[in-house]
Amino acid sequence: MPDIRDPDCIQHARKRWPAGREPKWFHIVEFYGDGDPFFGGTADDRPLGVSGRFLSKEESHLEESAVFFRLEEAVAAGRAASNIRPGSLIGLITHWQ
């Protein structure tokens, strides 16, 4: 999965999709750490909230995840998030139905 901070991420995403089709909607997620914490890992993945911040587990119970209907809008919002952690990967989650 390419990081959305890559300047070519929009072009790369569209190359992987069926010709003439785009997902119905998108989420942005910050992926951080390695492995499932249940098995001793350090993963702490966070969705982008409607506030423009990546939400911790506690915050995600208080705020909705942001939903985007245009690829460019989703990428811009993820790049502009105010609390990106160093070493994280910012990913685009596609929803086709």
PDB file of N, CA and C in Angstrom:
ATOM      1  N   MET A   1       0.851  -1.172   0.000  1.00  0.00           N
ATOM      2  CA  MET A   1       0.000   0.000   0.000  1.00  0.00           C
ATOM      3  C   MET A   1       0.897   1.235   0.000  1.00  0.00           C
ATOM      4  N   PRO A   2       0.723   2.110  -0.957  1.00  0.00           N
ATOM      5  CA  PRO A   2       1.531   3.338  -0.952  1.00  0.00           C
ATOM      6  C   PRO A   2       1.007   4.330   0.092  1.00  0.00           C
ATOM      7  N   ASP A   3       1.922   5.084   0.654  1.00  0.00           N
ATOM      8  CA  ASP A   3       1.566   6.134   1.605  1.00  0.00           C
ATOM      9  C   ASP A   3       0.945   7.290   0.821  1.00  0.00           C
ATOM     10  N   ILE A   4      -0.134   7.874   1.336  1.00  0.00           N
ATOM     11  CA  ILE A   4      -0.794   8.956   0.596  1.00  0.00           C
ATOM     12  C   ILE A   4       0.044  10.222   0.566  1.00  0.00           C
ATOM     13  N   ARG A   5       1.128  10.265   1.337  1.00  0.00           N
ATOM     14  CA  ARG A   5       2.033  11.415   1.261  1.00  0.00           C
ATOM     15  C   ARG A   5       2.935  11.345   0.031  1.00  0.00           C
ATOM     16  N   ASP A   6       2.949  10.192  -0.640  1.00  0.00           N
ATOM     17  CA  ASP A   6       3.688  10.045  -1.900  1.00  0.00           C
ATOM     18  C   ASP A   6       3.009  10.937  -2.935  1.00  0.00           C
ATOM     19  N   PRO A   7       3.766  11.809  -3.622  1.00  0.00           N
ATOM     20  CA  PRO A   7       3.152  12.724  -4.589  1.00  0.00           C
ATOM     21  C   PRO A   7       2.390  12.017  -5.717  1.00  0.00           C
ATOM     22  N   ASP A   8       2.740  10.756  -6.008  1.00  0.00           N
ATOM     23  CA  ASP A   8       2.091  10.018  -7.092  1.00  0.00           C
ATOM     24  C   ASP A   8       1.012   9.053  -6.604  1.00  0.00           C
ATOM     25  N   CYS A   9       0.598   9.171  -5.348  1.00  0.00           N
ATOM     26  CA  CYS A   9      -0.317   8.166  -4.787  1.00  0.00           C
ATOM     27  C   CYS A   9      -1.658   8.114  -5.520  1.00  0.00           C
ATOM     28  N   ILE A  10      -2.180   9.241  -5.961  1.00  0.00           N
ATOM     29  CA  ILE A  10      -3.474   9.242  -6.657  1.00  0.00           C
ATOM     30  C   ILE A  10      -3.350   8.483  -7.973  1.00  0.00           C
ATOM     31  N   GLN A  11      -2.299   8.761  -8.703  1.00  0.00           N
ATOM     32  CA  GLN A  11      -2.058   8.062  -9.970  1.00  0.00           C
ATOM     33  C   GLN A  11      -1.874   6.559  -9.733  1.00  0.00           C
ATOM     34  N   HIS A  12      -1.097   6.179  -8.722  1.00  0.00           N
ATOM     35  CA  HIS A  12      -0.866   4.763  -8.418  1.00  0.00           C
ATOM     36  C   HIS A  12      -2.166   4.060  -8.032  1.00  0.00           C
ATOM     37  N   ALA A  13      -2.994   4.728  -7.242  1.00  0.00           N
ATOM     38  CA  ALA A  13      -4.263   4.128  -6.819  1.00  0.00           C
ATOM     39  C   ALA A  13      -5.154   3.849  -8.027  1.00  0.00           C
ATOM     40  N   ARG A  14      -5.288   4.820  -8.891  1.00  0.00           N
ATOM     41  CA  ARG A  14      -6.178   4.659 -10.046  1.00  0.00           C
ATOM     42  C   ARG A  14      -5.685   3.578 -10.999  1.00  0.00           C
ATOM     43  N   LYS A  15      -4.400   3.351 -11.081  1.00  0.00           N
ATOM     44  CA  LYS A  15      -3.852   2.296 -11.946  1.00  0.00           C
ATOM     45  C   LYS A  15      -4.284   0.908 -11.484  1.00  0.00           C
ATOM     46  N   ARG A  16      -4.505   0.747 -10.188  1.00  0.00           N
ATOM     47  CA  ARG A  16      -4.867  -0.564  -9.633  1.00  0.00           C
ATOM     48  C   ARG A  16      -6.350  -0.868  -9.740  1.00  0.00           C
ATOM     49  N   TRP A  17      -7.160   0.129 -10.005  1.00  0.00           N
ATOM     50  CA  TRP A  17      -8.605  -0.069 -10.042  1.00  0.00           C
ATOM     51  C   TRP A  17      -9.061  -0.481 -11.432  1.00  0.00           C
ATOM     52  N   PRO A  18     -10.201  -1.173 -11.515  1.00  0.00           N
ATOM     53  CA  PRO A  18     -10.740  -1.531 -12.831  1.00  0.00           C
ATOM     54  C   PRO A  18     -10.967  -0.269 -13.673  1.00  0.00           C
ATOM     55  N   ALA A  19     -10.700  -0.379 -14.960  1.00  0.00           N
ATOM     56  CA  ALA A  19     -10.833   0.775 -15.868  1.00  0.00           C
ATOM     57  C   ALA A  19     -12.214   1.408 -15.760  1.00  0.00           C
ATOM     58  N   GLY A  20     -12.235   2.723 -15.583  1.00  0.00           N
ATOM     59  CA  GLY A  20     -13.490   3.461 -15.545  1.00  0.00           C
ATOM     60  C   GLY A  20     -14.258   3.368 -14.239  1.00  0.00           C
ATOM     61  N   ARG A  21     -13.725   2.659 -13.244  1.00  0.00           N
ATOM     62  CA  ARG A  21     -14.424   2.521 -11.952  1.00  0.00           C
ATOM     63  C   ARG A  21     -13.627   3.162 -10.839  1.00  0.00           C
ATOM     64  N   GLU A  22     -14.344   3.765  -9.916  1.00  0.00           N
ATOM     65  CA  GLU A  22     -13.725   4.276  -8.694  1.00  0.00           C
ATOM     66  C   GLU A  22     -14.549   3.789  -7.508  1.00  0.00           C
ATOM     67  N   PRO A  23     -13.916   3.665  -6.354  1.00  0.00           N
ATOM     68  CA  PRO A  23     -14.666   3.260  -5.155  1.00  0.00           C
ATOM     69  C   PRO A  23     -15.795   4.245  -4.858  1.00  0.00           C
ATOM     70  N   LYS A  24     -16.794   3.769  -4.139  1.00  0.00           N
ATOM     71  CA  LYS A  24     -17.927   4.623  -3.776  1.00  0.00           C
ATOM     72  C   LYS A  24     -17.538   5.632  -2.698  1.00  0.00           C
ATOM     73  N   TRP A  25     -16.667   5.208  -1.756  1.00  0.00           N
ATOM     74  CA  TRP A  25     -16.233   6.109  -0.702  1.00  0.00           C
ATOM     75  C   TRP A  25     -14.912   5.631  -0.112  1.00  0.00           C
ATOM     76  N   PHE A  26     -14.317   6.499   0.723  1.00  0.00           N
ATOM     77  CA  PHE A  26     -12.973   6.260   1.244  1.00  0.00           C
ATOM     78  C   PHE A  26     -12.884   6.612   2.729  1.00  0.00           C
ATOM     79  N   HIS A  27     -11.969   5.937   3.403  1.00  0.00           N
ATOM     80  CA  HIS A  27     -11.511   6.295   4.745  1.00  0.00           C
ATOM     81  C   HIS A  27     -10.002   6.473   4.670  1.00  0.00           C
ATOM     82  N   ILE A  28      -9.442   7.212   5.599  1.00  0.00           N
ATOM     83  CA  ILE A  28      -7.995   7.354   5.734  1.00  0.00           C
ATOM     84  C   ILE A  28      -7.609   6.774   7.099  1.00  0.00           C
ATOM     85  N   VAL A  29      -6.538   5.967   7.112  1.00  0.00           N
ATOM     86  CA  VAL A  29      -6.074   5.353   8.355  1.00  0.00           C
ATOM     87  C   VAL A  29      -4.572   5.571   8.488  1.00  0.00           C
ATOM     88  N   GLU A  30      -4.148   5.914   9.701  1.00  0.00           N
ATOM     89  CA  GLU A  30      -2.726   5.990  10.016  1.00  0.00           C
ATOM     90  C   GLU A  30      -2.321   4.636  10.592  1.00  0.00           C
ATOM     91  N   PHE A  31      -1.415   3.940   9.900  1.00  0.00           N
ATOM     92  CA  PHE A  31      -0.908   2.645  10.356  1.00  0.00           C
ATOM     93  C   PHE A  31       0.412   2.881  11.077  1.00  0.00           C
ATOM     94  N   TYR A  32       0.523   2.325  12.286  1.00  0.00           N
ATOM     95  CA  TYR A  32       1.695   2.580  13.115  1.00  0.00           C
ATOM     96  C   TYR A  32       2.012   1.335  13.943  1.00  0.00           C
ATOM     97  N   GLY A  33       3.292   0.996  14.054  1.00  0.00           N
ATOM     98  CA  GLY A  33       3.717  -0.146  14.855  1.00  0.00           C
ATOM     99  C   GLY A  33       3.701  -1.438  14.069  1.00  0.00           C
ATOM    100  N   ASP A  34       4.028  -2.515  14.749  1.00  0.00           N
ATOM    101  CA  ASP A  34       4.121  -3.843  14.126  1.00  0.00           C
ATOM    102  C   ASP A  34       3.334  -4.869  14.925  1.00  0.00           C
ATOM    103  N   GLY A  35       2.519  -5.641  14.258  1.00  0.00           N
ATOM    104  CA  GLY A  35       1.865  -6.789  14.869  1.00  0.00           C
ATOM    105  C   GLY A  35       0.713  -6.460  15.792  1.00  0.00           C
ATOM    106  N   ASP A  36      -0.181  -7.396  15.885  1.00  0.00           N
ATOM    107  CA  ASP A  36      -1.373  -7.276  16.713  1.00  0.00           C
ATOM    108  C   ASP A  36      -0.996  -7.227  18.195  1.00  0.00           C
ATOM    109  N   PRO A  37      -1.458  -6.211  18.937  1.00  0.00           N
ATOM    110  CA  PRO A  37      -1.142  -6.124  20.364  1.00  0.00           C
ATOM    111  C   PRO A  37      -1.585  -7.351  21.167  1.00  0.00           C
ATOM    112  N   PHE A  38      -2.633  -8.031  20.724  1.00  0.00           N
ATOM    113  CA  PHE A  38      -3.098  -9.231  21.426  1.00  0.00           C
ATOM    114  C   PHE A  38      -1.994 -10.291  21.472  1.00  0.00           C
ATOM    115  N   PHE A  39      -1.137 -10.297  20.450  1.00  0.00           N
ATOM    116  CA  PHE A  39      -0.064 -11.281  20.366  1.00  0.00           C
ATOM    117  C   PHE A  39       1.297 -10.665  20.691  1.00  0.00           C
ATOM    118  N   GLY A  40       1.302  -9.529  21.404  1.00  0.00           N
ATOM    119  CA  GLY A  40       2.543  -8.909  21.821  1.00  0.00           C
ATOM    120  C   GLY A  40       3.067  -7.843  20.880  1.00  0.00           C
ATOM    121  N   GLY A  41       2.333  -7.525  19.834  1.00  0.00           N
ATOM    122  CA  GLY A  41       2.767  -6.509  18.883  1.00  0.00           C
ATOM    123  C   GLY A  41       2.502  -5.097  19.377  1.00  0.00           C
ATOM    124  N   THR A  42       2.922  -4.139  18.561  1.00  0.00           N
ATOM    125  CA  THR A  42       2.817  -2.730  18.948  1.00  0.00           C
ATOM    126  C   THR A  42       1.911  -1.919  18.019  1.00  0.00           C
ATOM    127  N   ALA A  43       1.140  -2.575  17.175  1.00  0.00           N
ATOM    128  CA  ALA A  43       0.298  -1.836  16.224  1.00  0.00           C
ATOM    129  C   ALA A  43      -0.682  -0.918  16.953  1.00  0.00           C
ATOM    130  N   ASP A  44      -0.816   0.288  16.423  1.00  0.00           N
ATOM    131  CA  ASP A  44      -1.756   1.277  16.966  1.00  0.00           C
ATOM    132  C   ASP A  44      -2.284   2.071  15.774  1.00  0.00           C
ATOM    133  N   ASP A  45      -3.186   1.458  15.011  1.00  0.00           N
ATOM    134  CA  ASP A  45      -3.730   2.069  13.804  1.00  0.00           C
ATOM    135  C   ASP A  45      -4.902   2.966  14.167  1.00  0.00           C
ATOM    136  N   ARG A  46      -4.979   4.139  13.501  1.00  0.00           N
ATOM    137  CA  ARG A  46      -5.977   5.137  13.880  1.00  0.00           C
ATOM    138  C   ARG A  46      -6.700   5.698  12.655  1.00  0.00           C
ATOM    139  N   PRO A  47      -8.029   5.756  12.714  1.00  0.00           N
ATOM    140  CA  PRO A  47      -8.790   6.363  11.615  1.00  0.00           C
ATOM    141  C   PRO A  47      -8.727   7.890  11.685  1.00  0.00           C
ATOM    142  N   LEU A  48      -8.896   8.522  10.549  1.00  0.00           N
ATOM    143  CA  LEU A  48      -8.996   9.980  10.510  1.00  0.00           C
ATOM    144  C   LEU A  48     -10.414  10.363  10.919  1.00  0.00           C
ATOM    145  N   GLY A  49     -10.521  11.243  11.899  1.00  0.00           N
ATOM    146  CA  GLY A  49     -11.833  11.676  12.378  1.00  0.00           C
ATOM    147  C   GLY A  49     -12.337  12.897  11.623  1.00  0.00           C
ATOM    148  N   VAL A  50     -13.584  13.238  11.836  1.00  0.00           N
ATOM    149  CA  VAL A  50     -14.183  14.402  11.176  1.00  0.00           C
ATOM    150  C   VAL A  50     -13.507  15.707  11.609  1.00  0.00           C
ATOM    151  N   SER A  51     -12.764  15.672  12.720  1.00  0.00           N
ATOM    152  CA  SER A  51     -12.036  16.854  13.204  1.00  0.00           C
ATOM    153  C   SER A  51     -10.743  17.095  12.432  1.00  0.00           C
ATOM    154  N   GLY A  52     -10.341  16.121  11.582  1.00  0.00           N
ATOM    155  CA  GLY A  52      -9.080  16.246  10.860  1.00  0.00           C
ATOM    156  C   GLY A  52      -7.892  15.708  11.632  1.00  0.00           C
ATOM    157  N   ARG A  53      -8.167  14.988  12.705  1.00  0.00           N
ATOM    158  CA  ARG A  53      -7.113  14.362  13.520  1.00  0.00           C
ATOM    159  C   ARG A  53      -7.274  12.850  13.466  1.00  0.00           C
ATOM    160  N   PHE A  54      -6.145  12.132  13.579  1.00  0.00           N
ATOM    161  CA  PHE A  54      -6.215  10.678  13.709  1.00  0.00           C
ATOM    162  C   PHE A  54      -6.649  10.363  15.135  1.00  0.00           C
ATOM    163  N   LEU A  55      -7.611   9.468  15.273  1.00  0.00           N
ATOM    164  CA  LEU A  55      -8.270   9.215  16.553  1.00  0.00           C
ATOM    165  C   LEU A  55      -7.680   8.013  17.271  1.00  0.00           C
ATOM    166  N   SER A  56      -7.320   8.203  18.541  1.00  0.00           N
ATOM    167  CA  SER A  56      -6.905   7.083  19.381  1.00  0.00           C
ATOM    168  C   SER A  56      -8.128   6.201  19.625  1.00  0.00           C
ATOM    169  N   LYS A  57      -7.897   5.038  20.208  1.00  0.00           N
ATOM    170  CA  LYS A  57      -9.008   4.128  20.491  1.00  0.00           C
ATOM    171  C   LYS A  57     -10.071   4.818  21.347  1.00  0.00           C
ATOM    172  N   GLU A  58      -9.634   5.562  22.349  1.00  0.00           N
ATOM    173  CA  GLU A  58     -10.573   6.252  23.230  1.00  0.00           C
ATOM    174  C   GLU A  58     -11.346   7.342  22.468  1.00  0.00           C
ATOM    175  N   GLU A  59     -10.640   8.096  21.645  1.00  0.00           N
ATOM    176  CA  GLU A  59     -11.281   9.179  20.887  1.00  0.00           C
ATOM    177  C   GLU A  59     -12.256   8.648  19.838  1.00  0.00           C
ATOM    178  N   SER A  60     -11.960   7.461  19.300  1.00  0.00           N
ATOM    179  CA  SER A  60     -12.822   6.928  18.239  1.00  0.00           C
ATOM    180  C   SER A  60     -14.213   6.556  18.746  1.00  0.00           C
ATOM    181  N   HIS A  61     -14.370   6.449  20.062  1.00  0.00           N
ATOM    182  CA  HIS A  61     -15.690   6.205  20.641  1.00  0.00           C
ATOM    183  C   HIS A  61     -16.492   7.503  20.775  1.00  0.00           C
ATOM    184  N   LEU A  62     -15.801   8.638  20.673  1.00  0.00           N
ATOM    185  CA  LEU A  62     -16.439   9.938  20.876  1.00  0.00           C
ATOM    186  C   LEU A  62     -16.650  10.719  19.579  1.00  0.00           C
ATOM    187  N   GLU A  63     -15.955  10.314  18.519  1.00  0.00           N
ATOM    188  CA  GLU A  63     -15.996  11.059  17.262  1.00  0.00           C
ATOM    189  C   GLU A  63     -16.103  10.092  16.090  1.00  0.00           C
ATOM    190  N   GLU A  64     -16.844  10.476  15.079  1.00  0.00           N
ATOM    191  CA  GLU A  64     -16.991   9.638  13.889  1.00  0.00           C
ATOM    192  C   GLU A  64     -15.754   9.710  13.013  1.00  0.00           C
ATOM    193  N   SER A  65     -15.503   8.622  12.295  1.00  0.00           N
ATOM    194  CA  SER A  65     -14.448   8.620  11.285  1.00  0.00           C
ATOM    195  C   SER A  65     -14.918   9.427  10.088  1.00  0.00           C
ATOM    196  N   ALA A  66     -13.984  10.117   9.472  1.00  0.00           N
ATOM    197  CA  ALA A  66     -14.305  10.910   8.285  1.00  0.00           C
ATOM    198  C   ALA A  66     -14.554   9.988   7.096  1.00  0.00           C
ATOM    199  N   VAL A  67     -15.537  10.330   6.290  1.00  0.00           N
ATOM    200  CA  VAL A  67     -15.876   9.596   5.063  1.00  0.00           C
ATOM    201  C   VAL A  67     -15.730  10.567   3.898  1.00  0.00           C
ATOM    202  N   PHE A  68     -15.099  10.082   2.836  1.00  0.00           N
ATOM    203  CA  PHE A  68     -14.864  10.924   1.661  1.00  0.00           C
ATOM    204  C   PHE A  68     -15.434  10.240   0.425  1.00  0.00           C
ATOM    205  N   PHE A  69     -15.963  11.030  -0.476  1.00  0.00           N
ATOM    206  CA  PHE A  69     -16.562  10.490  -1.695  1.00  0.00           C
ATOM    207  C   PHE A  69     -15.717  10.775  -2.931  1.00  0.00           C
ATOM    208  N   ARG A  70     -14.637  11.523  -2.762  1.00  0.00           N
ATOM    209  CA  ARG A  70     -13.707  11.802  -3.855  1.00  0.00           C
ATOM    210  C   ARG A  70     -12.293  11.479  -3.392  1.00  0.00           C
ATOM    211  N   LEU A  71     -11.548  10.814  -4.243  1.00  0.00           N
ATOM    212  CA  LEU A  71     -10.189  10.406  -3.925  1.00  0.00           C
ATOM    213  C   LEU A  71      -9.317  11.596  -3.541  1.00  0.00           C
ATOM    214  N   GLU A  72      -9.352  12.645  -4.333  1.00  0.00           N
ATOM    215  CA  GLU A  72      -8.506  13.811  -4.068  1.00  0.00           C
ATOM    216  C   GLU A  72      -8.810  14.453  -2.722  1.00  0.00           C
ATOM    217  N   GLU A  73     -10.087  14.483  -2.373  1.00  0.00           N
ATOM    218  CA  GLU A  73     -10.510  15.052  -1.092  1.00  0.00           C
ATOM    219  C   GLU A  73      -9.969  14.212   0.078  1.00  0.00           C
ATOM    220  N   ALA A  74     -10.037  12.888  -0.054  1.00  0.00           N
ATOM    221  CA  ALA A  74      -9.548  11.994   0.988  1.00  0.00           C
ATOM    222  C   ALA A  74      -8.042  12.157   1.184  1.00  0.00           C
ATOM    223  N   VAL A  75      -7.301  12.182   0.087  1.00  0.00           N
ATOM    224  CA  VAL A  75      -5.849  12.315   0.156  1.00  0.00           C
ATOM    225  C   VAL A  75      -5.460  13.652   0.788  1.00  0.00           C
ATOM    226  N   ALA A  76      -6.095  14.725   0.362  1.00  0.00           N
ATOM    227  CA  ALA A  76      -5.785  16.049   0.914  1.00  0.00           C
ATOM    228  C   ALA A  76      -6.045  16.090   2.420  1.00  0.00           C
ATOM    229  N   ALA A  77      -7.144  15.503   2.862  1.00  0.00           N
ATOM    230  CA  ALA A  77      -7.472  15.508   4.294  1.00  0.00           C
ATOM    231  C   ALA A  77      -6.457  14.697   5.093  1.00  0.00           C
ATOM    232  N   GLY A  78      -6.062  13.551   4.579  1.00  0.00           N
ATOM    233  CA  GLY A  78      -5.068  12.734   5.267  1.00  0.00           C
ATOM    234  C   GLY A  78      -3.725  13.422   5.363  1.00  0.00           C
ATOM    235  N   ARG A  79      -3.322  14.092   4.298  1.00  0.00           N
ATOM    236  CA  ARG A  79      -2.046  14.821   4.309  1.00  0.00           C
ATOM    237  C   ARG A  79      -2.075  15.989   5.281  1.00  0.00           C
ATOM    238  N   ALA A  80      -3.237  16.578   5.495  1.00  0.00           N
ATOM    239  CA  ALA A  80      -3.367  17.760   6.348  1.00  0.00           C
ATOM    240  C   ALA A  80      -3.615  17.429   7.820  1.00  0.00           C
ATOM    241  N   ALA A  81      -3.727  16.148   8.172  1.00  0.00           N
ATOM    242  CA  ALA A  81      -4.010  15.777   9.562  1.00  0.00           C
ATOM    243  C   ALA A  81      -2.986  16.416  10.491  1.00  0.00           C
ATOM    244  N   SER A  82      -3.468  16.872  11.621  1.00  0.00           N
ATOM    245  CA  SER A  82      -2.626  17.650  12.528  1.00  0.00           C
ATOM    246  C   SER A  82      -1.774  16.807  13.476  1.00  0.00           C
ATOM    247  N   ASN A  83      -1.994  15.505  13.517  1.00  0.00           N
ATOM    248  CA  ASN A  83      -1.273  14.697  14.508  1.00  0.00           C
ATOM    249  C   ASN A  83      -0.686  13.412  13.913  1.00  0.00           C
ATOM    250  N   ILE A  84      -0.067  13.512  12.761  1.00  0.00           N
ATOM    251  CA  ILE A  84       0.589  12.355  12.144  1.00  0.00           C
ATOM    252  C   ILE A  84       1.835  12.000  12.955  1.00  0.00           C
ATOM    253  N   ARG A  85       1.967  10.735  13.302  1.00  0.00           N
ATOM    254  CA  ARG A  85       3.126  10.295  14.094  1.00  0.00           C
ATOM    255  C   ARG A  85       4.308   9.959  13.179  1.00  0.00           C
ATOM    256  N   PRO A  86       5.519  10.324  13.583  1.00  0.00           N
ATOM    257  CA  PRO A  86       6.700   9.976  12.791  1.00  0.00           C
ATOM    258  C   PRO A  86       6.798   8.456  12.632  1.00  0.00           C
ATOM    259  N   GLY A  87       7.136   8.009  11.446  1.00  0.00           N
ATOM    260  CA  GLY A  87       7.288   6.578  11.191  1.00  0.00           C
ATOM    261  C   GLY A  87       6.005   5.861  10.819  1.00  0.00           C
ATOM    262  N   SER A  88       4.895   6.582  10.775  1.00  0.00           N
ATOM    263  CA  SER A  88       3.628   5.939  10.417  1.00  0.00           C
ATOM    264  C   SER A  88       3.447   5.924   8.900  1.00  0.00           C
ATOM    265  N   LEU A  89       2.520   5.112   8.442  1.00  0.00           N
ATOM    266  CA  LEU A  89       2.128   5.050   7.044  1.00  0.00           C
ATOM    267  C   LEU A  89       0.672   5.506   6.986  1.00  0.00           C
ATOM    268  N   ILE A  90       0.365   6.445   6.107  1.00  0.00           N
ATOM    269  CA  ILE A  90      -1.009   6.945   5.972  1.00  0.00           C
ATOM    270  C   ILE A  90      -1.624   6.265   4.762  1.00  0.00           C
ATOM    271  N   GLY A  91      -2.645   5.473   5.005  1.00  0.00           N
ATOM    272  CA  GLY A  91      -3.239   4.651   3.955  1.00  0.00           C
ATOM    273  C   GLY A  91      -4.656   5.058   3.589  1.00  0.00           C
ATOM    274  N   LEU A  92      -5.008   4.701   2.386  1.00  0.00           N
ATOM    275  CA  LEU A  92      -6.327   4.954   1.821  1.00  0.00           C
ATOM    276  C   LEU A  92      -7.112   3.652   1.867  1.00  0.00           C
ATOM    277  N   ILE A  93      -8.273   3.656   2.499  1.00  0.00           N
ATOM    278  CA  ILE A  93      -9.138   2.482   2.559  1.00  0.00           C
ATOM    279  C   ILE A  93     -10.293   2.721   1.580  1.00  0.00           C
ATOM    280  N   THR A  94     -10.458   1.808   0.632  1.00  0.00           N
ATOM    281  CA  THR A  94     -11.499   1.952  -0.387  1.00  0.00           C
ATOM    282  C   THR A  94     -12.715   1.108  -0.046  1.00  0.00           C
ATOM    283  N   HIS A  95     -13.878   1.616  -0.399  1.00  0.00           N
ATOM    284  CA  HIS A  95     -15.137   0.883  -0.208  1.00  0.00           C
ATOM    285  C   HIS A  95     -15.861   0.890  -1.562  1.00  0.00           C
ATOM    286  N   TRP A  96     -16.109  -0.287  -2.084  1.00  0.00           N
ATOM    287  CA  TRP A  96     -16.651  -0.432  -3.434  1.00  0.00           C
ATOM    288  C   TRP A  96     -18.162  -0.587  -3.466  1.00  0.00           C
ATOM    289  N   GLN A  97     -18.794  -0.863  -2.354  1.00  0.00           N
ATOM    290  CA  GLN A  97     -20.257  -1.072  -2.348  1.00  0.00           C
ATOM    291  C   GLN A  97     -20.937  -0.073  -1.463  1.00  0.00           C
TER     292      GLN A  97
END
